[in-house]
Amino acid sequence: MYVCMYVCMYATLDEATEPWGVKVERVEVKDVRLPIQLQRAMAAEAEAAREARAKVIVAEGEQKASRALKEAAEVIAQSPSALQLRYLQTLNSISAEKNSTIIFPFPIDLLSSFFHRTAPKV
């Protein structure tokens, strides 16, 4: 695009100056005034490119986070003590917050022994 612009510009200058015996060797553009519509189109294109790069960065971050979660899940799956440690760490972080109510998860298999008992007869 730029090459064509320069070739066309030099051709036009040569046509105008050749009859006088003048050869233009160098041209310097000092100011370019683009139409408002073209300025808006260029700004929209630049904004779209920035948004696309931002989306790629976010996607890469999510991909790294999901890989880390997968690795953590594999470690926890291989070691039940790691799961218990994670459970205790979670309870510790919950207790540090200023919540008024804390619900402790309780394994359902421990509760099942209470449901199998029969009520005392009166």
PDB file of N, CA and C in Angstrom:
ATOM      1  N   MET A   1       0.821  -1.187   0.000  1.00  0.00           N
ATOM      2  CA  MET A   1       0.000   0.000   0.000  1.00  0.00           C
ATOM      3  C   MET A   1       0.869   1.256   0.000  1.00  0.00           C
ATOM      4  N   TYR A   2       1.877   1.285   0.926  1.00  0.00           N
ATOM      5  CA  TYR A   2       2.734   2.458   1.008  1.00  0.00           C
ATOM      6  C   TYR A   2       3.606   2.600  -0.237  1.00  0.00           C
ATOM      7  N   VAL A   3       4.067   1.481  -0.771  1.00  0.00           N
ATOM      8  CA  VAL A   3       4.912   1.517  -1.968  1.00  0.00           C
ATOM      9  C   VAL A   3       4.134   2.109  -3.126  1.00  0.00           C
ATOM     10  N   CYS A   4       2.898   1.669  -3.287  1.00  0.00           N
ATOM     11  CA  CYS A   4       2.052   2.193  -4.362  1.00  0.00           C
ATOM     12  C   CYS A   4       1.830   3.693  -4.187  1.00  0.00           C
ATOM     13  N   MET A   5       1.648   4.119  -2.939  1.00  0.00           N
ATOM     14  CA  MET A   5       1.417   5.536  -2.673  1.00  0.00           C
ATOM     15  C   MET A   5       2.634   6.361  -3.095  1.00  0.00           C
ATOM     16  N   TYR A   6       3.841   5.897  -2.735  1.00  0.00           N
ATOM     17  CA  TYR A   6       5.044   6.630  -3.098  1.00  0.00           C
ATOM     18  C   TYR A   6       5.285   6.612  -4.606  1.00  0.00           C
ATOM     19  N   VAL A   7       5.054   5.482  -5.233  1.00  0.00           N
ATOM     20  CA  VAL A   7       5.238   5.388  -6.686  1.00  0.00           C
ATOM     21  C   VAL A   7       4.279   6.335  -7.390  1.00  0.00           C
ATOM     22  N   CYS A   8       3.029   6.334  -6.953  1.00  0.00           N
ATOM     23  CA  CYS A   8       2.030   7.226  -7.560  1.00  0.00           C
ATOM     24  C   CYS A   8       2.390   8.688  -7.317  1.00  0.00           C
ATOM     25  N   MET A   9       2.892   8.999  -6.115  1.00  0.00           N
ATOM     26  CA  MET A   9       3.251  10.374  -5.793  1.00  0.00           C
ATOM     27  C   MET A   9       4.430  10.833  -6.656  1.00  0.00           C
ATOM     28  N   TYR A  10       5.458   9.988  -6.791  1.00  0.00           N
ATOM     29  CA  TYR A  10       6.606  10.358  -7.620  1.00  0.00           C
ATOM     30  C   TYR A  10       6.209  10.473  -9.089  1.00  0.00           C
ATOM     31  N   ALA A  11       5.321   9.606  -9.543  1.00  0.00           N
ATOM     32  CA  ALA A  11       4.874   9.692 -10.939  1.00  0.00           C
ATOM     33  C   ALA A  11       4.148  11.005 -11.181  1.00  0.00           C
ATOM     34  N   THR A  12       3.317  11.397 -10.254  1.00  0.00           N
ATOM     35  CA  THR A  12       2.587  12.660 -10.396  1.00  0.00           C
ATOM     36  C   THR A  12       3.548  13.842 -10.357  1.00  0.00           C
ATOM     37  N   LEU A  13       4.523  13.811  -9.456  1.00  0.00           N
ATOM     38  CA  LEU A  13       5.508  14.892  -9.379  1.00  0.00           C
ATOM     39  C   LEU A  13       6.361  14.950 -10.640  1.00  0.00           C
ATOM     40  N   ASP A  14       6.755  13.791 -11.163  1.00  0.00           N
ATOM     41  CA  ASP A  14       7.556  13.759 -12.391  1.00  0.00           C
ATOM     42  C   ASP A  14       6.792  14.358 -13.564  1.00  0.00           C
ATOM     43  N   GLU A  15       5.505  14.051 -13.649  1.00  0.00           N
ATOM     44  CA  GLU A  15       4.694  14.617 -14.733  1.00  0.00           C
ATOM     45  C   GLU A  15       4.657  16.138 -14.656  1.00  0.00           C
ATOM     46  N   ALA A  16       4.580  16.661 -13.437  1.00  0.00           N
ATOM     47  CA  ALA A  16       4.468  18.112 -13.277  1.00  0.00           C
ATOM     48  C   ALA A  16       5.809  18.819 -13.438  1.00  0.00           C
ATOM     49  N   THR A  17       6.918  18.185 -13.053  1.00  0.00           N
ATOM     50  CA  THR A  17       8.207  18.886 -13.050  1.00  0.00           C
ATOM     51  C   THR A  17       9.095  18.564 -14.247  1.00  0.00           C
ATOM     52  N   GLU A  18       8.844  17.480 -14.947  1.00  0.00           N
ATOM     53  CA  GLU A  18       9.714  17.084 -16.069  1.00  0.00           C
ATOM     54  C   GLU A  18       9.742  18.117 -17.199  1.00  0.00           C
ATOM     55  N   PRO A  19       8.616  18.713 -17.570  1.00  0.00           N
ATOM     56  CA  PRO A  19       8.683  19.722 -18.641  1.00  0.00           C
ATOM     57  C   PRO A  19       9.598  20.897 -18.287  1.00  0.00           C
ATOM     58  N   TRP A  20       9.861  21.151 -17.038  1.00  0.00           N
ATOM     59  CA  TRP A  20      10.712  22.259 -16.636  1.00  0.00           C
ATOM     60  C   TRP A  20      12.157  21.811 -16.430  1.00  0.00           C
ATOM     61  N   GLY A  21      12.391  20.502 -16.578  1.00  0.00           N
ATOM     62  CA  GLY A  21      13.739  19.983 -16.414  1.00  0.00           C
ATOM     63  C   GLY A  21      14.122  19.770 -14.952  1.00  0.00           C
ATOM     64  N   VAL A  22      13.127  19.609 -14.102  1.00  0.00           N
ATOM     65  CA  VAL A  22      13.379  19.411 -12.671  1.00  0.00           C
ATOM     66  C   VAL A  22      13.051  17.967 -12.315  1.00  0.00           C
ATOM     67  N   LYS A  23      13.932  17.338 -11.545  1.00  0.00           N
ATOM     68  CA  LYS A  23      13.702  15.973 -11.081  1.00  0.00           C
ATOM     69  C   LYS A  23      13.610  16.001  -9.557  1.00  0.00           C
ATOM     70  N   VAL A  24      12.487  15.547  -9.028  1.00  0.00           N
ATOM     71  CA  VAL A  24      12.282  15.504  -7.580  1.00  0.00           C
ATOM     72  C   VAL A  24      12.911  14.210  -7.060  1.00  0.00           C
ATOM     73  N   GLU A  25      13.856  14.350  -6.134  1.00  0.00           N
ATOM     74  CA  GLU A  25      14.542  13.189  -5.586  1.00  0.00           C
ATOM     75  C   GLU A  25      14.015  12.796  -4.212  1.00  0.00           C
ATOM     76  N   ARG A  26      13.524  13.747  -3.487  1.00  0.00           N
ATOM     77  CA  ARG A  26      13.082  13.446  -2.126  1.00  0.00           C
ATOM     78  C   ARG A  26      11.862  14.285  -1.780  1.00  0.00           C
ATOM     79  N   VAL A  27      10.932  13.633  -1.089  1.00  0.00           N
ATOM     80  CA  VAL A  27       9.724  14.322  -0.634  1.00  0.00           C
ATOM     81  C   VAL A  27       9.550  13.994   0.848  1.00  0.00           C
ATOM     82  N   GLU A  28       9.234  15.003   1.616  1.00  0.00           N
ATOM     83  CA  GLU A  28       9.003  14.807   3.043  1.00  0.00           C
ATOM     84  C   GLU A  28       7.585  15.267   3.363  1.00  0.00           C
ATOM     85  N   VAL A  29       6.823  14.365   3.951  1.00  0.00           N
ATOM     86  CA  VAL A  29       5.453  14.686   4.334  1.00  0.00           C
ATOM     87  C   VAL A  29       5.495  15.181   5.776  1.00  0.00           C
ATOM     88  N   LYS A  30       5.005  16.397   6.004  1.00  0.00           N
ATOM     89  CA  LYS A  30       5.055  16.983   7.341  1.00  0.00           C
ATOM     90  C   LYS A  30       3.722  16.907   8.061  1.00  0.00           C
ATOM     91  N   ASP A  31       2.646  16.910   7.342  1.00  0.00           N
ATOM     92  CA  ASP A  31       1.341  16.910   7.992  1.00  0.00           C
ATOM     93  C   ASP A  31       0.358  16.140   7.121  1.00  0.00           C
ATOM     94  N   VAL A  32      -0.375  15.264   7.769  1.00  0.00           N
ATOM     95  CA  VAL A  32      -1.406  14.495   7.072  1.00  0.00           C
ATOM     96  C   VAL A  32      -2.713  14.741   7.803  1.00  0.00           C
ATOM     97  N   ARG A  33      -3.702  15.150   7.071  1.00  0.00           N
ATOM     98  CA  ARG A  33      -5.022  15.374   7.662  1.00  0.00           C
ATOM     99  C   ARG A  33      -5.978  14.337   7.099  1.00  0.00           C
ATOM    100  N   LEU A  34      -6.363  13.449   7.973  1.00  0.00           N
ATOM    101  CA  LEU A  34      -7.274  12.378   7.572  1.00  0.00           C
ATOM    102  C   LEU A  34      -8.707  12.812   7.822  1.00  0.00           C
ATOM    103  N   PRO A  35      -9.619  12.339   6.990  1.00  0.00           N
ATOM    104  CA  PRO A  35     -11.030  12.625   7.247  1.00  0.00           C
ATOM    105  C   PRO A  35     -11.451  12.026   8.593  1.00  0.00           C
ATOM    106  N   ILE A  36     -12.414  12.674   9.234  1.00  0.00           N
ATOM    107  CA  ILE A  36     -12.884  12.236  10.550  1.00  0.00           C
ATOM    108  C   ILE A  36     -13.351  10.785  10.506  1.00  0.00           C
ATOM    109  N   GLN A  37     -14.043  10.421   9.451  1.00  0.00           N
ATOM    110  CA  GLN A  37     -14.559   9.055   9.340  1.00  0.00           C
ATOM    111  C   GLN A  37     -13.408   8.040   9.313  1.00  0.00           C
ATOM    112  N   LEU A  38     -12.344   8.366   8.602  1.00  0.00           N
ATOM    113  CA  LEU A  38     -11.183   7.477   8.546  1.00  0.00           C
ATOM    114  C   LEU A  38     -10.479   7.420   9.906  1.00  0.00           C
ATOM    115  N   GLN A  39     -10.398   8.549  10.595  1.00  0.00           N
ATOM    116  CA  GLN A  39      -9.804   8.563  11.933  1.00  0.00           C
ATOM    117  C   GLN A  39     -10.587   7.657  12.878  1.00  0.00           C
ATOM    118  N   ARG A  40     -11.910   7.743  12.808  1.00  0.00           N
ATOM    119  CA  ARG A  40     -12.747   6.895  13.660  1.00  0.00           C
ATOM    120  C   ARG A  40     -12.560   5.420  13.322  1.00  0.00           C
ATOM    121  N   ALA A  41     -12.481   5.118  12.028  1.00  0.00           N
ATOM    122  CA  ALA A  41     -12.297   3.728  11.612  1.00  0.00           C
ATOM    123  C   ALA A  41     -10.957   3.190  12.110  1.00  0.00           C
ATOM    124  N   MET A  42      -9.918   4.004  12.017  1.00  0.00           N
ATOM    125  CA  MET A  42      -8.602   3.575  12.485  1.00  0.00           C
ATOM    126  C   MET A  42      -8.593   3.398  14.005  1.00  0.00           C
ATOM    127  N   ALA A  43      -9.269   4.297  14.715  1.00  0.00           N
ATOM    128  CA  ALA A  43      -9.344   4.172  16.174  1.00  0.00           C
ATOM    129  C   ALA A  43     -10.116   2.920  16.567  1.00  0.00           C
ATOM    130  N   ALA A  44     -11.203   2.629  15.851  1.00  0.00           N
ATOM    131  CA  ALA A  44     -11.990   1.427  16.145  1.00  0.00           C
ATOM    132  C   ALA A  44     -11.166   0.170  15.881  1.00  0.00           C
ATOM    133  N   GLU A  45     -10.384   0.185  14.815  1.00  0.00           N
ATOM    134  CA  GLU A  45      -9.532  -0.966  14.501  1.00  0.00           C
ATOM    135  C   GLU A  45      -8.470  -1.167  15.580  1.00  0.00           C
ATOM    136  N   ALA A  46      -7.868  -0.081  16.038  1.00  0.00           N
ATOM    137  CA  ALA A  46      -6.856  -0.181  17.090  1.00  0.00           C
ATOM    138  C   ALA A  46      -7.475  -0.687  18.390  1.00  0.00           C
ATOM    139  N   GLU A  47      -8.673  -0.205  18.716  1.00  0.00           N
ATOM    140  CA  GLU A  47      -9.364  -0.657  19.927  1.00  0.00           C
ATOM    141  C   GLU A  47      -9.693  -2.140  19.839  1.00  0.00           C
ATOM    142  N   ALA A  48     -10.147  -2.582  18.669  1.00  0.00           N
ATOM    143  CA  ALA A  48     -10.460  -4.002  18.484  1.00  0.00           C
ATOM    144  C   ALA A  48      -9.204  -4.857  18.642  1.00  0.00           C
ATOM    145  N   ALA A  49      -8.079  -4.375  18.135  1.00  0.00           N
ATOM    146  CA  ALA A  49      -6.823  -5.118  18.277  1.00  0.00           C
ATOM    147  C   ALA A  49      -6.406  -5.201  19.746  1.00  0.00           C
ATOM    148  N   ARG A  50      -6.574  -4.101  20.492  1.00  0.00           N
ATOM    149  CA  ARG A  50      -6.231  -4.121  21.926  1.00  0.00           C
ATOM    150  C   ARG A  50      -7.133  -5.086  22.682  1.00  0.00           C
ATOM    151  N   GLU A  51      -8.423  -5.062  22.380  1.00  0.00           N
ATOM    152  CA  GLU A  51      -9.358  -5.972  23.042  1.00  0.00           C
ATOM    153  C   GLU A  51      -9.030  -7.430  22.720  1.00  0.00           C
ATOM    154  N   ALA A  52      -8.657  -7.694  21.472  1.00  0.00           N
ATOM    155  CA  ALA A  52      -8.307  -9.062  21.086  1.00  0.00           C
ATOM    156  C   ALA A  52      -7.077  -9.537  21.863  1.00  0.00           C
ATOM    157  N   ARG A  53      -6.065  -8.666  21.988  1.00  0.00           N
ATOM    158  CA  ARG A  53      -4.863  -9.037  22.754  1.00  0.00           C
ATOM    159  C   ARG A  53      -5.207  -9.272  24.222  1.00  0.00           C
ATOM    160  N   ALA A  54      -6.085  -8.441  24.771  1.00  0.00           N
ATOM    161  CA  ALA A  54      -6.483  -8.606  26.173  1.00  0.00           C
ATOM    162  C   ALA A  54      -7.207  -9.933  26.373  1.00  0.00           C
ATOM    163  N   LYS A  55      -8.068 -10.304  25.432  1.00  0.00           N
ATOM    164  CA  LYS A  55      -8.789 -11.575  25.541  1.00  0.00           C
ATOM    165  C   LYS A  55      -7.828 -12.755  25.471  1.00  0.00           C
ATOM    166  N   VAL A  56      -6.825 -12.645  24.629  1.00  0.00           N
ATOM    167  CA  VAL A  56      -5.832 -13.719  24.526  1.00  0.00           C
ATOM    168  C   VAL A  56      -5.070 -13.851  25.844  1.00  0.00           C
ATOM    169  N   ILE A  57      -4.698 -12.724  26.447  1.00  0.00           N
ATOM    170  CA  ILE A  57      -3.970 -12.757  27.718  1.00  0.00           C
ATOM    171  C   ILE A  57      -4.829 -13.377  28.810  1.00  0.00           C
ATOM    172  N   VAL A  58      -6.112 -12.998  28.857  1.00  0.00           N
ATOM    173  CA  VAL A  58      -7.027 -13.567  29.857  1.00  0.00           C
ATOM    174  C   VAL A  58      -7.176 -15.068  29.640  1.00  0.00           C
ATOM    175  N   ALA A  59      -7.330 -15.485  28.389  1.00  0.00           N
ATOM    176  CA  ALA A  59      -7.492 -16.912  28.092  1.00  0.00           C
ATOM    177  C   ALA A  59      -6.249 -17.698  28.494  1.00  0.00           C
ATOM    178  N   GLU A  60      -5.072 -17.137  28.238  1.00  0.00           N
ATOM    179  CA  GLU A  60      -3.836 -17.820  28.636  1.00  0.00           C
ATOM    180  C   GLU A  60      -3.746 -17.941  30.158  1.00  0.00           C
ATOM    181  N   GLY A  61      -4.163 -16.902  30.869  1.00  0.00           N
ATOM    182  CA  GLY A  61      -4.170 -16.956  32.329  1.00  0.00           C
ATOM    183  C   GLY A  61      -5.121 -18.012  32.856  1.00  0.00           C
ATOM    184  N   GLU A  62      -6.306 -18.085  32.262  1.00  0.00           N
ATOM    185  CA  GLU A  62      -7.272 -19.104  32.676  1.00  0.00           C
ATOM    186  C   GLU A  62      -6.756 -20.506  32.379  1.00  0.00           C
ATOM    187  N   GLN A  63      -6.067 -20.649  31.263  1.00  0.00           N
ATOM    188  CA  GLN A  63      -5.509 -21.952  30.904  1.00  0.00           C
ATOM    189  C   GLN A  63      -4.444 -22.373  31.925  1.00  0.00           C
ATOM    190  N   LYS A  64      -3.578 -21.447  32.323  1.00  0.00           N
ATOM    191  CA  LYS A  64      -2.559 -21.766  33.331  1.00  0.00           C
ATOM    192  C   LYS A  64      -3.207 -22.110  34.667  1.00  0.00           C
ATOM    193  N   ALA A  65      -4.248 -21.365  35.029  1.00  0.00           N
ATOM    194  CA  ALA A  65      -4.937 -21.638  36.296  1.00  0.00           C
ATOM    195  C   ALA A  65      -5.601 -23.004  36.274  1.00  0.00           C
ATOM    196  N   SER A  66      -6.205 -23.364  35.150  1.00  0.00           N
ATOM    197  CA  SER A  66      -6.864 -24.673  35.079  1.00  0.00           C
ATOM    198  C   SER A  66      -5.842 -25.804  35.128  1.00  0.00           C
ATOM    199  N   ARG A  67      -4.673 -25.595  34.531  1.00  0.00           N
ATOM    200  CA  ARG A  67      -3.613 -26.610  34.628  1.00  0.00           C
ATOM    201  C   ARG A  67      -3.159 -26.778  36.076  1.00  0.00           C
ATOM    202  N   ALA A  68      -3.011 -25.655  36.782  1.00  0.00           N
ATOM    203  CA  ALA A  68      -2.596 -25.727  38.186  1.00  0.00           C
ATOM    204  C   ALA A  68      -3.651 -26.435  39.027  1.00  0.00           C
ATOM    205  N   LEU A  69      -4.930 -26.160  38.765  1.00  0.00           N
ATOM    206  CA  LEU A  69      -6.001 -26.845  39.493  1.00  0.00           C
ATOM    207  C   LEU A  69      -6.000 -28.338  39.197  1.00  0.00           C
ATOM    208  N   LYS A  70      -5.734 -28.693  37.946  1.00  0.00           N
ATOM    209  CA  LYS A  70      -5.683 -30.110  37.578  1.00  0.00           C
ATOM    210  C   LYS A  70      -4.552 -30.813  38.321  1.00  0.00           C
ATOM    211  N   GLU A  71      -3.388 -30.167  38.369  1.00  0.00           N
ATOM    212  CA  GLU A  71      -2.254 -30.755  39.087  1.00  0.00           C
ATOM    213  C   GLU A  71      -2.565 -30.897  40.577  1.00  0.00           C
ATOM    214  N   ALA A  72      -3.207 -29.887  41.145  1.00  0.00           N
ATOM    215  CA  ALA A  72      -3.566 -29.959  42.565  1.00  0.00           C
ATOM    216  C   ALA A  72      -4.561 -31.084  42.812  1.00  0.00           C
ATOM    217  N   ALA A  73      -5.522 -31.251  41.916  1.00  0.00           N
ATOM    218  CA  ALA A  73      -6.504 -32.328  42.063  1.00  0.00           C
ATOM    219  C   ALA A  73      -5.833 -33.693  41.972  1.00  0.00           C
ATOM    220  N   GLU A  74      -4.841 -33.820  41.094  1.00  0.00           N
ATOM    221  CA  GLU A  74      -4.125 -35.090  40.973  1.00  0.00           C
ATOM    222  C   GLU A  74      -3.344 -35.404  42.253  1.00  0.00           C
ATOM    223  N   VAL A  75      -2.724 -34.387  42.842  1.00  0.00           N
ATOM    224  CA  VAL A  75      -1.977 -34.596  44.088  1.00  0.00           C
ATOM    225  C   VAL A  75      -2.925 -34.995  45.201  1.00  0.00           C
ATOM    226  N   ILE A  76      -4.058 -34.314  45.301  1.00  0.00           N
ATOM    227  CA  ILE A  76      -5.032 -34.627  46.348  1.00  0.00           C
ATOM    228  C   ILE A  76      -5.618 -36.017  46.139  1.00  0.00           C
ATOM    229  N   ALA A  77      -5.848 -36.404  44.882  1.00  0.00           N
ATOM    230  CA  ALA A  77      -6.402 -37.732  44.604  1.00  0.00           C
ATOM    231  C   ALA A  77      -5.423 -38.835  44.999  1.00  0.00           C
ATOM    232  N   GLN A  78      -4.135 -38.580  44.910  1.00  0.00           N
ATOM    233  CA  GLN A  78      -3.133 -39.587  45.246  1.00  0.00           C
ATOM    234  C   GLN A  78      -2.883 -39.691  46.751  1.00  0.00           C
ATOM    235  N   SER A  79      -3.243 -38.659  47.493  1.00  0.00           N
ATOM    236  CA  SER A  79      -2.934 -38.659  48.924  1.00  0.00           C
ATOM    237  C   SER A  79      -4.136 -38.164  49.721  1.00  0.00           C
ATOM    238  N   PRO A  80      -4.829 -39.062  50.427  1.00  0.00           N
ATOM    239  CA  PRO A  80      -5.967 -38.637  51.249  1.00  0.00           C
ATOM    240  C   PRO A  80      -5.562 -37.649  52.342  1.00  0.00           C
ATOM    241  N   SER A  81      -4.336 -37.749  52.818  1.00  0.00           N
ATOM    242  CA  SER A  81      -3.895 -36.802  53.850  1.00  0.00           C
ATOM    243  C   SER A  81      -3.796 -35.386  53.283  1.00  0.00           C
ATOM    244  N   ALA A  82      -3.499 -35.263  51.994  1.00  0.00           N
ATOM    245  CA  ALA A  82      -3.464 -33.945  51.362  1.00  0.00           C
ATOM    246  C   ALA A  82      -4.854 -33.325  51.348  1.00  0.00           C
ATOM    247  N   LEU A  83      -5.873 -34.153  51.131  1.00  0.00           N
ATOM    248  CA  LEU A  83      -7.252 -33.664  51.160  1.00  0.00           C
ATOM    249  C   LEU A  83      -7.616 -33.203  52.565  1.00  0.00           C
ATOM    250  N   GLN A  84      -7.218 -33.970  53.567  1.00  0.00           N
ATOM    251  CA  GLN A  84      -7.499 -33.583  54.956  1.00  0.00           C
ATOM    252  C   GLN A  84      -6.786 -32.280  55.301  1.00  0.00           C
ATOM    253  N   LEU A  85      -5.540 -32.121  54.848  1.00  0.00           N
ATOM    254  CA  LEU A  85      -4.794 -30.891  55.091  1.00  0.00           C
ATOM    255  C   LEU A  85      -5.479 -29.705  54.424  1.00  0.00           C
ATOM    256  N   ARG A  86      -5.944 -29.910  53.208  1.00  0.00           N
ATOM    257  CA  ARG A  86      -6.654 -28.834  52.496  1.00  0.00           C
ATOM    258  C   ARG A  86      -7.940 -28.466  53.229  1.00  0.00           C
ATOM    259  N   TYR A  87      -8.626 -29.462  53.758  1.00  0.00           N
ATOM    260  CA  TYR A  87      -9.850 -29.235  54.524  1.00  0.00           C
ATOM    261  C   TYR A  87      -9.547 -28.368  55.749  1.00  0.00           C
ATOM    262  N   LEU A  88      -8.472 -28.686  56.457  1.00  0.00           N
ATOM    263  CA  LEU A  88      -8.096 -27.915  57.642  1.00  0.00           C
ATOM    264  C   LEU A  88      -7.662 -26.496  57.279  1.00  0.00           C
ATOM    265  N   GLN A  89      -6.960 -26.346  56.171  1.00  0.00           N
ATOM    266  CA  GLN A  89      -6.566 -25.012  55.724  1.00  0.00           C
ATOM    267  C   GLN A  89      -7.788 -24.169  55.378  1.00  0.00           C
ATOM    268  N   THR A  90      -8.767 -24.792  54.752  1.00  0.00           N
ATOM    269  CA  THR A  90      -9.998 -24.084  54.411  1.00  0.00           C
ATOM    270  C   THR A  90     -10.738 -23.653  55.665  1.00  0.00           C
ATOM    271  N   LEU A  91     -10.828 -24.536  56.651  1.00  0.00           N
ATOM    272  CA  LEU A  91     -11.471 -24.169  57.917  1.00  0.00           C
ATOM    273  C   LEU A  91     -10.731 -23.018  58.593  1.00  0.00           C
ATOM    274  N   ASN A  92      -9.418 -23.040  58.530  1.00  0.00           N
ATOM    275  CA  ASN A  92      -8.620 -21.968  59.117  1.00  0.00           C
ATOM    276  C   ASN A  92      -8.904 -20.636  58.428  1.00  0.00           C
ATOM    277  N   SER A  93      -8.957 -20.632  57.100  1.00  0.00           N
ATOM    278  CA  SER A  93      -9.214 -19.379  56.385  1.00  0.00           C
ATOM    279  C   SER A  93     -10.640 -18.886  56.607  1.00  0.00           C
ATOM    280  N   ILE A  94     -11.590 -19.810  56.747  1.00  0.00           N
ATOM    281  CA  ILE A  94     -12.973 -19.411  57.026  1.00  0.00           C
ATOM    282  C   ILE A  94     -13.063 -18.784  58.412  1.00  0.00           C
ATOM    283  N   SER A  95     -12.368 -19.362  59.382  1.00  0.00           N
ATOM    284  CA  SER A  95     -12.450 -18.845  60.749  1.00  0.00           C
ATOM    285  C   SER A  95     -11.803 -17.471  60.875  1.00  0.00           C
ATOM    286  N   ALA A  96     -10.890 -17.126  59.981  1.00  0.00           N
ATOM    287  CA  ALA A  96     -10.233 -15.820  60.031  1.00  0.00           C
ATOM    288  C   ALA A  96     -11.152 -14.705  59.547  1.00  0.00           C
ATOM    289  N   GLU A  97     -12.185 -15.040  58.792  1.00  0.00           N
ATOM    290  CA  GLU A  97     -13.114 -14.029  58.290  1.00  0.00           C
ATOM    291  C   GLU A  97     -14.067 -13.605  59.399  1.00  0.00           C
ATOM    292  N   LYS A  98     -14.676 -12.469  59.224  1.00  0.00           N
ATOM    293  CA  LYS A  98     -15.564 -11.925  60.247  1.00  0.00           C
ATOM    294  C   LYS A  98     -17.011 -12.330  59.991  1.00  0.00           C
ATOM    295  N   ASN A  99     -17.228 -13.586  59.713  1.00  0.00           N
ATOM    296  CA  ASN A  99     -18.592 -14.078  59.500  1.00  0.00           C
ATOM    297  C   ASN A  99     -19.246 -14.369  60.842  1.00  0.00           C
ATOM    298  N   SER A 100     -20.533 -14.190  60.895  1.00  0.00           N
ATOM    299  CA  SER A 100     -21.237 -14.465  62.143  1.00  0.00           C
ATOM    300  C   SER A 100     -21.649 -15.928  62.238  1.00  0.00           C
ATOM    301  N   THR A 101     -21.749 -16.611  61.112  1.00  0.00           N
ATOM    302  CA  THR A 101     -22.159 -18.011  61.113  1.00  0.00           C
ATOM    303  C   THR A 101     -21.149 -18.829  60.319  1.00  0.00           C
ATOM    304  N   ILE A 102     -20.680 -19.898  60.921  1.00  0.00           N
ATOM    305  CA  ILE A 102     -19.767 -20.810  60.230  1.00  0.00           C
ATOM    306  C   ILE A 102     -20.395 -22.188  60.266  1.00  0.00           C
ATOM    307  N   ILE A 103     -20.532 -22.788  59.112  1.00  0.00           N
ATOM    308  CA  ILE A 103     -21.092 -24.136  59.007  1.00  0.00           C
ATOM    309  C   ILE A 103     -19.946 -25.086  58.707  1.00  0.00           C
ATOM    310  N   PHE A 104     -19.785 -26.094  59.562  1.00  0.00           N
ATOM    311  CA  PHE A 104     -18.729 -27.072  59.362  1.00  0.00           C
ATOM    312  C   PHE A 104     -19.288 -28.272  58.615  1.00  0.00           C
ATOM    313  N   PRO A 105     -18.731 -28.595  57.477  1.00  0.00           N
ATOM    314  CA  PRO A 105     -19.175 -29.794  56.759  1.00  0.00           C
ATOM    315  C   PRO A 105     -18.848 -31.036  57.584  1.00  0.00           C
ATOM    316  N   PHE A 106     -19.789 -31.948  57.596  1.00  0.00           N
ATOM    317  CA  PHE A 106     -19.626 -33.165  58.387  1.00  0.00           C
ATOM    318  C   PHE A 106     -19.860 -34.353  57.467  1.00  0.00           C
ATOM    319  N   PRO A 107     -18.969 -35.338  57.446  1.00  0.00           N
ATOM    320  CA  PRO A 107     -19.144 -36.484  56.548  1.00  0.00           C
ATOM    321  C   PRO A 107     -20.459 -37.210  56.830  1.00  0.00           C
ATOM    322  N   ILE A 108     -21.196 -37.507  55.789  1.00  0.00           N
ATOM    323  CA  ILE A 108     -22.518 -38.127  55.922  1.00  0.00           C
ATOM    324  C   ILE A 108     -22.431 -39.539  56.481  1.00  0.00           C
ATOM    325  N   ASP A 109     -21.337 -40.244  56.233  1.00  0.00           N
ATOM    326  CA  ASP A 109     -21.228 -41.615  56.744  1.00  0.00           C
ATOM    327  C   ASP A 109     -21.150 -41.651  58.274  1.00  0.00           C
ATOM    328  N   LEU A 110     -20.663 -40.584  58.887  1.00  0.00           N
ATOM    329  CA  LEU A 110     -20.657 -40.528  60.349  1.00  0.00           C
ATOM    330  C   LEU A 110     -22.059 -40.276  60.900  1.00  0.00           C
ATOM    331  N   LEU A 111     -22.880 -39.584  60.145  1.00  0.00           N
ATOM    332  CA  LEU A 111     -24.248 -39.310  60.585  1.00  0.00           C
ATOM    333  C   LEU A 111     -25.161 -40.522  60.424  1.00  0.00           C
ATOM    334  N   SER A 112     -24.813 -41.425  59.536  1.00  0.00           N
ATOM    335  CA  SER A 112     -25.697 -42.563  59.256  1.00  0.00           C
ATOM    336  C   SER A 112     -25.889 -43.452  60.483  1.00  0.00           C
ATOM    337  N   SER A 113     -24.890 -43.509  61.354  1.00  0.00           N
ATOM    338  CA  SER A 113     -25.043 -44.347  62.552  1.00  0.00           C
ATOM    339  C   SER A 113     -26.146 -43.819  63.466  1.00  0.00           C
ATOM    340  N   PHE A 114     -26.405 -42.522  63.452  1.00  0.00           N
ATOM    341  CA  PHE A 114     -27.472 -41.959  64.275  1.00  0.00           C
ATOM    342  C   PHE A 114     -28.849 -42.284  63.719  1.00  0.00           C
ATOM    343  N   PHE A 115     -28.960 -42.433  62.432  1.00  0.00           N
ATOM    344  CA  PHE A 115     -30.260 -42.693  61.814  1.00  0.00           C
ATOM    345  C   PHE A 115     -30.687 -44.152  61.938  1.00  0.00           C
ATOM    346  N   HIS A 116     -29.772 -45.065  62.164  1.00  0.00           N
ATOM    347  CA  HIS A 116     -30.111 -46.484  62.273  1.00  0.00           C
ATOM    348  C   HIS A 116     -30.585 -46.873  63.674  1.00  0.00           C
ATOM    349  N   ARG A 117     -30.405 -46.024  64.626  1.00  0.00           N
ATOM    350  CA  ARG A 117     -30.868 -46.308  65.988  1.00  0.00           C
ATOM    351  C   ARG A 117     -32.383 -46.141  66.043  1.00  0.00           C
ATOM    352  N   THR A 118     -32.982 -46.913  66.851  1.00  0.00           N
ATOM    353  CA  THR A 118     -34.435 -46.785  67.022  1.00  0.00           C
ATOM    354  C   THR A 118     -34.714 -45.900  68.219  1.00  0.00           C
ATOM    355  N   ALA A 119     -35.824 -45.263  68.191  1.00  0.00           N
ATOM    356  CA  ALA A 119     -36.204 -44.374  69.290  1.00  0.00           C
ATOM    357  C   ALA A 119     -36.560 -45.208  70.511  1.00  0.00           C
ATOM    358  N   PRO A 120     -36.210 -44.743  71.698  1.00  0.00           N
ATOM    359  CA  PRO A 120     -36.530 -45.506  72.914  1.00  0.00           C
ATOM    360  C   PRO A 120     -38.038 -45.558  73.137  1.00  0.00           C
ATOM    361  N   LYS A 121     -38.495 -46.692  73.652  1.00  0.00           N
ATOM    362  CA  LYS A 121     -39.928 -46.865  73.920  1.00  0.00           C
ATOM    363  C   LYS A 121     -40.267 -46.255  75.266  1.00  0.00           C
ATOM    364  N   VAL A 122     -41.399 -45.611  75.324  1.00  0.00           N
ATOM    365  CA  VAL A 122     -41.807 -44.964  76.565  1.00  0.00           C
ATOM    366  C   VAL A 122     -42.840 -45.772  77.275  1.00  0.00           C
TER     367      VAL A 122
END
